[in-house]
Amino acid sequence: SGVLVAAVLVTVGVLIGAQAKDDMVPP
């Protein structure tokens, strides 16, 4: 369950990073 929780936290972090990148206006 500890490994599962860690995997979920990593996935959430990646999704938050992707969302932050999507919020930026490109050149």
mmCIF file of all heavy atoms, coordinates in Angstrom:
data_MODEL
# 
_entry.id   MODEL 
# 
loop_
_atom_site.group_PDB 
_atom_site.id 
_atom_site.type_symbol 
_atom_site.label_atom_id 
_atom_site.label_alt_id 
_atom_site.label_comp_id 
_atom_site.label_asym_id 
_atom_site.label_entity_id 
_atom_site.label_seq_id 
_atom_site.pdbx_PDB_ins_code 
_atom_site.Cartn_x 
_atom_site.Cartn_y 
_atom_site.Cartn_z 
_atom_site.occupancy 
_atom_site.B_iso_or_equiv 
_atom_site.pdbx_formal_charge 
_atom_site.auth_seq_id 
_atom_site.auth_comp_id 
_atom_site.auth_asym_id 
_atom_site.auth_atom_id 
_atom_site.pdbx_PDB_model_num 
ATOM 1   N N   . SER A 1 1  ? 0.837  -1.204 0.000   1.00 0.00 ? 1  SER A N   1 
ATOM 2   C CA  . SER A 1 1  ? 0.000  0.000  0.000   1.00 0.00 ? 1  SER A CA  1 
ATOM 3   C C   . SER A 1 1  ? 0.871  1.252  0.000   1.00 0.00 ? 1  SER A C   1 
ATOM 4   O O   . SER A 1 1  ? 0.513  2.265  -0.599  1.00 0.00 ? 1  SER A O   1 
ATOM 5   C CB  . SER A 1 1  ? -0.968 0.007  1.185   1.00 0.00 ? 1  SER A CB  1 
ATOM 6   O OG  . SER A 1 1  ? -0.249 0.085  2.405   1.00 0.00 ? 1  SER A OG  1 
ATOM 7   N N   . GLY A 1 2  ? 2.042  1.185  0.642   1.00 0.00 ? 2  GLY A N   1 
ATOM 8   C CA  . GLY A 1 2  ? 2.966  2.321  0.614   1.00 0.00 ? 2  GLY A CA  1 
ATOM 9   C C   . GLY A 1 2  ? 3.462  2.600  -0.790  1.00 0.00 ? 2  GLY A C   1 
ATOM 10  O O   . GLY A 1 2  ? 3.559  3.754  -1.221  1.00 0.00 ? 2  GLY A O   1 
ATOM 11  N N   . VAL A 1 3  ? 3.755  1.558  -1.538  1.00 0.00 ? 3  VAL A N   1 
ATOM 12  C CA  . VAL A 1 3  ? 4.190  1.714  -2.927  1.00 0.00 ? 3  VAL A CA  1 
ATOM 13  C C   . VAL A 1 3  ? 3.052  2.290  -3.756  1.00 0.00 ? 3  VAL A C   1 
ATOM 14  O O   . VAL A 1 3  ? 3.260  3.171  -4.594  1.00 0.00 ? 3  VAL A O   1 
ATOM 15  C CB  . VAL A 1 3  ? 4.665  0.353  -3.497  1.00 0.00 ? 3  VAL A CB  1 
ATOM 16  C CG1 . VAL A 1 3  ? 4.867  0.419  -4.995  1.00 0.00 ? 3  VAL A CG1 1 
ATOM 17  C CG2 . VAL A 1 3  ? 5.932  -0.094 -2.805  1.00 0.00 ? 3  VAL A CG2 1 
ATOM 18  N N   . LEU A 1 4  ? 1.846  1.831  -3.511  1.00 0.00 ? 4  LEU A N   1 
ATOM 19  C CA  . LEU A 1 4  ? 0.683  2.339  -4.239  1.00 0.00 ? 4  LEU A CA  1 
ATOM 20  C C   . LEU A 1 4  ? 0.467  3.824  -3.956  1.00 0.00 ? 4  LEU A C   1 
ATOM 21  O O   . LEU A 1 4  ? 0.245  4.618  -4.873  1.00 0.00 ? 4  LEU A O   1 
ATOM 22  C CB  . LEU A 1 4  ? -0.566 1.535  -3.865  1.00 0.00 ? 4  LEU A CB  1 
ATOM 23  C CG  . LEU A 1 4  ? -1.860 1.962  -4.544  1.00 0.00 ? 4  LEU A CG  1 
ATOM 24  C CD1 . LEU A 1 4  ? -1.757 1.747  -6.044  1.00 0.00 ? 4  LEU A CD1 1 
ATOM 25  C CD2 . LEU A 1 4  ? -3.030 1.196  -3.976  1.00 0.00 ? 4  LEU A CD2 1 
ATOM 26  N N   . VAL A 1 5  ? 0.564  4.221  -2.707  1.00 0.00 ? 5  VAL A N   1 
ATOM 27  C CA  . VAL A 1 5  ? 0.403  5.632  -2.337  1.00 0.00 ? 5  VAL A CA  1 
ATOM 28  C C   . VAL A 1 5  ? 1.495  6.481  -2.991  1.00 0.00 ? 5  VAL A C   1 
ATOM 29  O O   . VAL A 1 5  ? 1.228  7.558  -3.530  1.00 0.00 ? 5  VAL A O   1 
ATOM 30  C CB  . VAL A 1 5  ? 0.411  5.805  -0.803  1.00 0.00 ? 5  VAL A CB  1 
ATOM 31  C CG1 . VAL A 1 5  ? 0.540  7.263  -0.413  1.00 0.00 ? 5  VAL A CG1 1 
ATOM 32  C CG2 . VAL A 1 5  ? -0.857 5.209  -0.204  1.00 0.00 ? 5  VAL A CG2 1 
ATOM 33  N N   . ALA A 1 6  ? 2.719  5.989  -2.989  1.00 0.00 ? 6  ALA A N   1 
ATOM 34  C CA  . ALA A 1 6  ? 3.816  6.721  -3.623  1.00 0.00 ? 6  ALA A CA  1 
ATOM 35  C C   . ALA A 1 6  ? 3.574  6.872  -5.118  1.00 0.00 ? 6  ALA A C   1 
ATOM 36  O O   . ALA A 1 6  ? 3.796  7.946  -5.691  1.00 0.00 ? 6  ALA A O   1 
ATOM 37  C CB  . ALA A 1 6  ? 5.145  6.009  -3.367  1.00 0.00 ? 6  ALA A CB  1 
ATOM 38  N N   . ALA A 1 7  ? 3.093  5.818  -5.769  1.00 0.00 ? 7  ALA A N   1 
ATOM 39  C CA  . ALA A 1 7  ? 2.807  5.884  -7.206  1.00 0.00 ? 7  ALA A CA  1 
ATOM 40  C C   . ALA A 1 7  ? 1.700  6.893  -7.495  1.00 0.00 ? 7  ALA A C   1 
ATOM 41  O O   . ALA A 1 7  ? 1.778  7.654  -8.466  1.00 0.00 ? 7  ALA A O   1 
ATOM 42  C CB  . ALA A 1 7  ? 2.418  4.505  -7.728  1.00 0.00 ? 7  ALA A CB  1 
ATOM 43  N N   . VAL A 1 8  ? 0.683  6.916  -6.660  1.00 0.00 ? 8  VAL A N   1 
ATOM 44  C CA  . VAL A 1 8  ? -0.406 7.880  -6.839  1.00 0.00 ? 8  VAL A CA  1 
ATOM 45  C C   . VAL A 1 8  ? 0.111  9.308  -6.672  1.00 0.00 ? 8  VAL A C   1 
ATOM 46  O O   . VAL A 1 8  ? -0.231 10.203 -7.455  1.00 0.00 ? 8  VAL A O   1 
ATOM 47  C CB  . VAL A 1 8  ? -1.564 7.580  -5.856  1.00 0.00 ? 8  VAL A CB  1 
ATOM 48  C CG1 . VAL A 1 8  ? -2.557 8.723  -5.808  1.00 0.00 ? 8  VAL A CG1 1 
ATOM 49  C CG2 . VAL A 1 8  ? -2.258 6.295  -6.252  1.00 0.00 ? 8  VAL A CG2 1 
ATOM 50  N N   . LEU A 1 9  ? 0.948  9.536  -5.683  1.00 0.00 ? 9  LEU A N   1 
ATOM 51  C CA  . LEU A 1 9  ? 1.495  10.879 -5.467  1.00 0.00 ? 9  LEU A CA  1 
ATOM 52  C C   . LEU A 1 9  ? 2.355  11.336 -6.647  1.00 0.00 ? 9  LEU A C   1 
ATOM 53  O O   . LEU A 1 9  ? 2.287  12.494 -7.063  1.00 0.00 ? 9  LEU A O   1 
ATOM 54  C CB  . LEU A 1 9  ? 2.301  10.923 -4.173  1.00 0.00 ? 9  LEU A CB  1 
ATOM 55  C CG  . LEU A 1 9  ? 1.472  10.838 -2.883  1.00 0.00 ? 9  LEU A CG  1 
ATOM 56  C CD1 . LEU A 1 9  ? 2.392  10.762 -1.670  1.00 0.00 ? 9  LEU A CD1 1 
ATOM 57  C CD2 . LEU A 1 9  ? 0.527  12.006 -2.777  1.00 0.00 ? 9  LEU A CD2 1 
ATOM 58  N N   . VAL A 1 10 ? 3.149  10.437 -7.196  1.00 0.00 ? 10 VAL A N   1 
ATOM 59  C CA  . VAL A 1 10 ? 3.969  10.781 -8.363  1.00 0.00 ? 10 VAL A CA  1 
ATOM 60  C C   . VAL A 1 10 ? 3.072  11.109 -9.553  1.00 0.00 ? 10 VAL A C   1 
ATOM 61  O O   . VAL A 1 10 ? 3.294  12.090 -10.273 1.00 0.00 ? 10 VAL A O   1 
ATOM 62  C CB  . VAL A 1 10 ? 4.948  9.634  -8.700  1.00 0.00 ? 10 VAL A CB  1 
ATOM 63  C CG1 . VAL A 1 10 ? 5.585  9.838  -10.066 1.00 0.00 ? 10 VAL A CG1 1 
ATOM 64  C CG2 . VAL A 1 10 ? 6.012  9.533  -7.627  1.00 0.00 ? 10 VAL A CG2 1 
ATOM 65  N N   . THR A 1 11 ? 2.033  10.327 -9.764  1.00 0.00 ? 11 THR A N   1 
ATOM 66  C CA  . THR A 1 11 ? 1.106  10.570 -10.871 1.00 0.00 ? 11 THR A CA  1 
ATOM 67  C C   . THR A 1 11 ? 0.416  11.920 -10.725 1.00 0.00 ? 11 THR A C   1 
ATOM 68  O O   . THR A 1 11 ? 0.301  12.675 -11.694 1.00 0.00 ? 11 THR A O   1 
ATOM 69  C CB  . THR A 1 11 ? 0.051  9.444  -10.942 1.00 0.00 ? 11 THR A CB  1 
ATOM 70  O OG1 . THR A 1 11 ? 0.730  8.197  -11.061 1.00 0.00 ? 11 THR A OG1 1 
ATOM 71  C CG2 . THR A 1 11 ? -0.886 9.644  -12.111 1.00 0.00 ? 11 THR A CG2 1 
ATOM 72  N N   . VAL A 1 12 ? -0.032 12.240 -9.526  1.00 0.00 ? 12 VAL A N   1 
ATOM 73  C CA  . VAL A 1 12 ? -0.678 13.533 -9.283  1.00 0.00 ? 12 VAL A CA  1 
ATOM 74  C C   . VAL A 1 12 ? 0.303  14.675 -9.553  1.00 0.00 ? 12 VAL A C   1 
ATOM 75  O O   . VAL A 1 12 ? -0.056 15.685 -10.161 1.00 0.00 ? 12 VAL A O   1 
ATOM 76  C CB  . VAL A 1 12 ? -1.243 13.598 -7.843  1.00 0.00 ? 12 VAL A CB  1 
ATOM 77  C CG1 . VAL A 1 12 ? -1.648 15.006 -7.465  1.00 0.00 ? 12 VAL A CG1 1 
ATOM 78  C CG2 . VAL A 1 12 ? -2.424 12.652 -7.708  1.00 0.00 ? 12 VAL A CG2 1 
ATOM 79  N N   . GLY A 1 13 ? 1.546  14.510 -9.131  1.00 0.00 ? 13 GLY A N   1 
ATOM 80  C CA  . GLY A 1 13 ? 2.564  15.536 -9.384  1.00 0.00 ? 13 GLY A CA  1 
ATOM 81  C C   . GLY A 1 13 ? 2.796  15.761 -10.869 1.00 0.00 ? 13 GLY A C   1 
ATOM 82  O O   . GLY A 1 13 ? 2.911  16.900 -11.328 1.00 0.00 ? 13 GLY A O   1 
ATOM 83  N N   . VAL A 1 14 ? 2.845  14.683 -11.632 1.00 0.00 ? 14 VAL A N   1 
ATOM 84  C CA  . VAL A 1 14 ? 3.033  14.793 -13.082 1.00 0.00 ? 14 VAL A CA  1 
ATOM 85  C C   . VAL A 1 14 ? 1.843  15.500 -13.717 1.00 0.00 ? 14 VAL A C   1 
ATOM 86  O O   . VAL A 1 14 ? 2.006  16.365 -14.582 1.00 0.00 ? 14 VAL A O   1 
ATOM 87  C CB  . VAL A 1 14 ? 3.251  13.396 -13.705 1.00 0.00 ? 14 VAL A CB  1 
ATOM 88  C CG1 . VAL A 1 14 ? 3.150  13.440 -15.213 1.00 0.00 ? 14 VAL A CG1 1 
ATOM 89  C CG2 . VAL A 1 14 ? 4.593  12.835 -13.276 1.00 0.00 ? 14 VAL A CG2 1 
ATOM 90  N N   . LEU A 1 15 ? 0.636  15.162 -13.304 1.00 0.00 ? 15 LEU A N   1 
ATOM 91  C CA  . LEU A 1 15 ? -0.558 15.807 -13.850 1.00 0.00 ? 15 LEU A CA  1 
ATOM 92  C C   . LEU A 1 15 ? -0.598 17.293 -13.513 1.00 0.00 ? 15 LEU A C   1 
ATOM 93  O O   . LEU A 1 15 ? -0.981 18.116 -14.352 1.00 0.00 ? 15 LEU A O   1 
ATOM 94  C CB  . LEU A 1 15 ? -1.823 15.111 -13.343 1.00 0.00 ? 15 LEU A CB  1 
ATOM 95  C CG  . LEU A 1 15 ? -2.052 13.701 -13.879 1.00 0.00 ? 15 LEU A CG  1 
ATOM 96  C CD1 . LEU A 1 15 ? -3.259 13.064 -13.201 1.00 0.00 ? 15 LEU A CD1 1 
ATOM 97  C CD2 . LEU A 1 15 ? -2.237 13.726 -15.390 1.00 0.00 ? 15 LEU A CD2 1 
ATOM 98  N N   . ILE A 1 16 ? -0.211 17.655 -12.316 1.00 0.00 ? 16 ILE A N   1 
ATOM 99  C CA  . ILE A 1 16 ? -0.174 19.072 -11.930 1.00 0.00 ? 16 ILE A CA  1 
ATOM 100 C C   . ILE A 1 16 ? 0.856  19.811 -12.775 1.00 0.00 ? 16 ILE A C   1 
ATOM 101 O O   . ILE A 1 16 ? 0.612  20.917 -13.254 1.00 0.00 ? 16 ILE A O   1 
ATOM 102 C CB  . ILE A 1 16 ? 0.116  19.223 -10.425 1.00 0.00 ? 16 ILE A CB  1 
ATOM 103 C CG1 . ILE A 1 16 ? -1.103 18.776 -9.617  1.00 0.00 ? 16 ILE A CG1 1 
ATOM 104 C CG2 . ILE A 1 16 ? 0.484  20.666 -10.077 1.00 0.00 ? 16 ILE A CG2 1 
ATOM 105 C CD1 . ILE A 1 16 ? -0.856 18.689 -8.127  1.00 0.00 ? 16 ILE A CD1 1 
ATOM 106 N N   . GLY A 1 17 ? 2.004  19.201 -12.994 1.00 0.00 ? 17 GLY A N   1 
ATOM 107 C CA  . GLY A 1 17 ? 3.030  19.810 -13.841 1.00 0.00 ? 17 GLY A CA  1 
ATOM 108 C C   . GLY A 1 17 ? 2.560  19.988 -15.271 1.00 0.00 ? 17 GLY A C   1 
ATOM 109 O O   . GLY A 1 17 ? 2.810  21.018 -15.896 1.00 0.00 ? 17 GLY A O   1 
ATOM 110 N N   . ALA A 1 18 ? 1.859  18.995 -15.797 1.00 0.00 ? 18 ALA A N   1 
ATOM 111 C CA  . ALA A 1 18 ? 1.339  19.101 -17.163 1.00 0.00 ? 18 ALA A CA  1 
ATOM 112 C C   . ALA A 1 18 ? 0.293  20.195 -17.259 1.00 0.00 ? 18 ALA A C   1 
ATOM 113 O O   . ALA A 1 18 ? 0.240  20.950 -18.230 1.00 0.00 ? 18 ALA A O   1 
ATOM 114 C CB  . ALA A 1 18 ? 0.749  17.766 -17.611 1.00 0.00 ? 18 ALA A CB  1 
ATOM 115 N N   . GLN A 1 19 ? -0.559 20.311 -16.249 1.00 0.00 ? 19 GLN A N   1 
ATOM 116 C CA  . GLN A 1 19 ? -1.581 21.362 -16.244 1.00 0.00 ? 19 GLN A CA  1 
ATOM 117 C C   . GLN A 1 19 ? -0.931 22.735 -16.178 1.00 0.00 ? 19 GLN A C   1 
ATOM 118 O O   . GLN A 1 19 ? -1.350 23.665 -16.861 1.00 0.00 ? 19 GLN A O   1 
ATOM 119 C CB  . GLN A 1 19 ? -2.535 21.172 -15.058 1.00 0.00 ? 19 GLN A CB  1 
ATOM 120 C CG  . GLN A 1 19 ? -3.638 22.210 -15.006 1.00 0.00 ? 19 GLN A CG  1 
ATOM 121 C CD  . GLN A 1 19 ? -4.577 22.134 -16.182 1.00 0.00 ? 19 GLN A CD  1 
ATOM 122 O OE1 . GLN A 1 19 ? -4.851 21.053 -16.686 1.00 0.00 ? 19 GLN A OE1 1 
ATOM 123 N NE2 . GLN A 1 19 ? -5.066 23.257 -16.645 1.00 0.00 ? 19 GLN A NE2 1 
ATOM 124 N N   . ALA A 1 20 ? 0.103  22.877 -15.377 1.00 0.00 ? 20 ALA A N   1 
ATOM 125 C CA  . ALA A 1 20 ? 0.794  24.163 -15.284 1.00 0.00 ? 20 ALA A CA  1 
ATOM 126 C C   . ALA A 1 20 ? 1.410  24.528 -16.621 1.00 0.00 ? 20 ALA A C   1 
ATOM 127 O O   . ALA A 1 20 ? 1.390  25.689 -17.023 1.00 0.00 ? 20 ALA A O   1 
ATOM 128 C CB  . ALA A 1 20 ? 1.865  24.105 -14.199 1.00 0.00 ? 20 ALA A CB  1 
ATOM 129 N N   . LYS A 1 21 ? 1.932  23.532 -17.330 1.00 0.00 ? 21 LYS A N   1 
ATOM 130 C CA  . LYS A 1 21 ? 2.518  23.791 -18.647 1.00 0.00 ? 21 LYS A CA  1 
ATOM 131 C C   . LYS A 1 21 ? 1.434  24.197 -19.640 1.00 0.00 ? 21 LYS A C   1 
ATOM 132 O O   . LYS A 1 21 ? 1.655  25.058 -20.485 1.00 0.00 ? 21 LYS A O   1 
ATOM 133 C CB  . LYS A 1 21 ? 3.250  22.551 -19.133 1.00 0.00 ? 21 LYS A CB  1 
ATOM 134 C CG  . LYS A 1 21 ? 4.005  22.755 -20.412 1.00 0.00 ? 21 LYS A CG  1 
ATOM 135 C CD  . LYS A 1 21 ? 4.770  21.521 -20.797 1.00 0.00 ? 21 LYS A CD  1 
ATOM 136 C CE  . LYS A 1 21 ? 5.507  21.741 -22.108 1.00 0.00 ? 21 LYS A CE  1 
ATOM 137 N NZ  . LYS A 1 21 ? 6.187  20.545 -22.552 1.00 0.00 ? 21 LYS A NZ  1 
ATOM 138 N N   . ASP A 1 22 ? 0.238  23.584 -19.557 1.00 0.00 ? 22 ASP A N   1 
ATOM 139 C CA  . ASP A 1 22 ? -0.864 23.921 -20.453 1.00 0.00 ? 22 ASP A CA  1 
ATOM 140 C C   . ASP A 1 22 ? -1.392 25.327 -20.218 1.00 0.00 ? 22 ASP A C   1 
ATOM 141 O O   . ASP A 1 22 ? -1.948 25.936 -21.116 1.00 0.00 ? 22 ASP A O   1 
ATOM 142 C CB  . ASP A 1 22 ? -2.015 22.924 -20.287 1.00 0.00 ? 22 ASP A CB  1 
ATOM 143 C CG  . ASP A 1 22 ? -1.741 21.608 -20.992 1.00 0.00 ? 22 ASP A CG  1 
ATOM 144 O OD1 . ASP A 1 22 ? -0.796 21.568 -21.808 1.00 0.00 ? 22 ASP A OD1 1 
ATOM 145 O OD2 . ASP A 1 22 ? -2.463 20.636 -20.734 1.00 0.00 ? 22 ASP A OD2 1 
ATOM 146 N N   . ASP A 1 23 ? -1.249 25.856 -19.013 1.00 0.00 ? 23 ASP A N   1 
ATOM 147 C CA  . ASP A 1 23 ? -1.756 27.180 -18.700 1.00 0.00 ? 23 ASP A CA  1 
ATOM 148 C C   . ASP A 1 23 ? -0.884 28.292 -19.256 1.00 0.00 ? 23 ASP A C   1 
ATOM 149 O O   . ASP A 1 23 ? -1.285 29.443 -19.266 1.00 0.00 ? 23 ASP A O   1 
ATOM 150 C CB  . ASP A 1 23 ? -1.903 27.354 -17.182 1.00 0.00 ? 23 ASP A CB  1 
ATOM 151 C CG  . ASP A 1 23 ? -3.067 26.548 -16.630 1.00 0.00 ? 23 ASP A CG  1 
ATOM 152 O OD1 . ASP A 1 23 ? -3.922 26.125 -17.430 1.00 0.00 ? 23 ASP A OD1 1 
ATOM 153 O OD2 . ASP A 1 23 ? -3.112 26.341 -15.404 1.00 0.00 ? 23 ASP A OD2 1 
ATOM 154 N N   . MET A 1 24 ? 0.319  27.955 -19.721 1.00 0.00 ? 24 MET A N   1 
ATOM 155 C CA  . MET A 1 24 ? 1.207  28.972 -20.259 1.00 0.00 ? 24 MET A CA  1 
ATOM 156 C C   . MET A 1 24 ? 0.823  29.275 -21.710 1.00 0.00 ? 24 MET A C   1 
ATOM 157 O O   . MET A 1 24 ? 0.496  28.378 -22.465 1.00 0.00 ? 24 MET A O   1 
ATOM 158 C CB  . MET A 1 24 ? 2.651  28.480 -20.208 1.00 0.00 ? 24 MET A CB  1 
ATOM 159 C CG  . MET A 1 24 ? 3.169  28.301 -18.794 1.00 0.00 ? 24 MET A CG  1 
ATOM 160 S SD  . MET A 1 24 ? 4.789  27.518 -18.712 1.00 0.00 ? 24 MET A SD  1 
ATOM 161 C CE  . MET A 1 24 ? 5.723  28.415 -19.905 1.00 0.00 ? 24 MET A CE  1 
ATOM 162 N N   . VAL A 1 25 ? 0.872  30.547 -22.079 1.00 0.00 ? 25 VAL A N   1 
ATOM 163 C CA  . VAL A 1 25 ? 0.607  30.927 -23.455 1.00 0.00 ? 25 VAL A CA  1 
ATOM 164 C C   . VAL A 1 25 ? 1.917  30.781 -24.238 1.00 0.00 ? 25 VAL A C   1 
ATOM 165 O O   . VAL A 1 25 ? 2.941  31.319 -23.837 1.00 0.00 ? 25 VAL A O   1 
ATOM 166 C CB  . VAL A 1 25 ? 0.087  32.381 -23.520 1.00 0.00 ? 25 VAL A CB  1 
ATOM 167 C CG1 . VAL A 1 25 ? -0.094 32.817 -24.953 1.00 0.00 ? 25 VAL A CG1 1 
ATOM 168 C CG2 . VAL A 1 25 ? -1.216 32.513 -22.748 1.00 0.00 ? 25 VAL A CG2 1 
ATOM 169 N N   . PRO A 1 26 ? 1.878  30.054 -25.351 1.00 0.00 ? 26 PRO A N   1 
ATOM 170 C CA  . PRO A 1 26 ? 3.099  29.827 -26.118 1.00 0.00 ? 26 PRO A CA  1 
ATOM 171 C C   . PRO A 1 26 ? 3.527  31.081 -26.897 1.00 0.00 ? 26 PRO A C   1 
ATOM 172 O O   . PRO A 1 26 ? 2.754  32.038 -27.007 1.00 0.00 ? 26 PRO A O   1 
ATOM 173 C CB  . PRO A 1 26 ? 2.705  28.702 -27.078 1.00 0.00 ? 26 PRO A CB  1 
ATOM 174 C CG  . PRO A 1 26 ? 1.243  28.861 -27.249 1.00 0.00 ? 26 PRO A CG  1 
ATOM 175 C CD  . PRO A 1 26 ? 0.729  29.369 -25.924 1.00 0.00 ? 26 PRO A CD  1 
ATOM 176 N N   . PRO A 1 27 ? 4.705  31.045 -27.486 1.00 0.00 ? 27 PRO A N   1 
ATOM 177 C CA  . PRO A 1 27 ? 5.160  32.185 -28.288 1.00 0.00 ? 27 PRO A CA  1 
ATOM 178 C C   . PRO A 1 27 ? 4.283  32.392 -29.531 1.00 0.00 ? 27 PRO A C   1 
ATOM 179 O O   . PRO A 1 27 ? 3.556  31.486 -29.951 1.00 0.00 ? 27 PRO A O   1 
ATOM 180 C CB  . PRO A 1 27 ? 6.582  31.801 -28.698 1.00 0.00 ? 27 PRO A CB  1 
ATOM 181 C CG  . PRO A 1 27 ? 6.906  30.542 -28.019 1.00 0.00 ? 27 PRO A CG  1 
ATOM 182 C CD  . PRO A 1 27 ? 5.692  29.999 -27.363 1.00 0.00 ? 27 PRO A CD  1 
# 
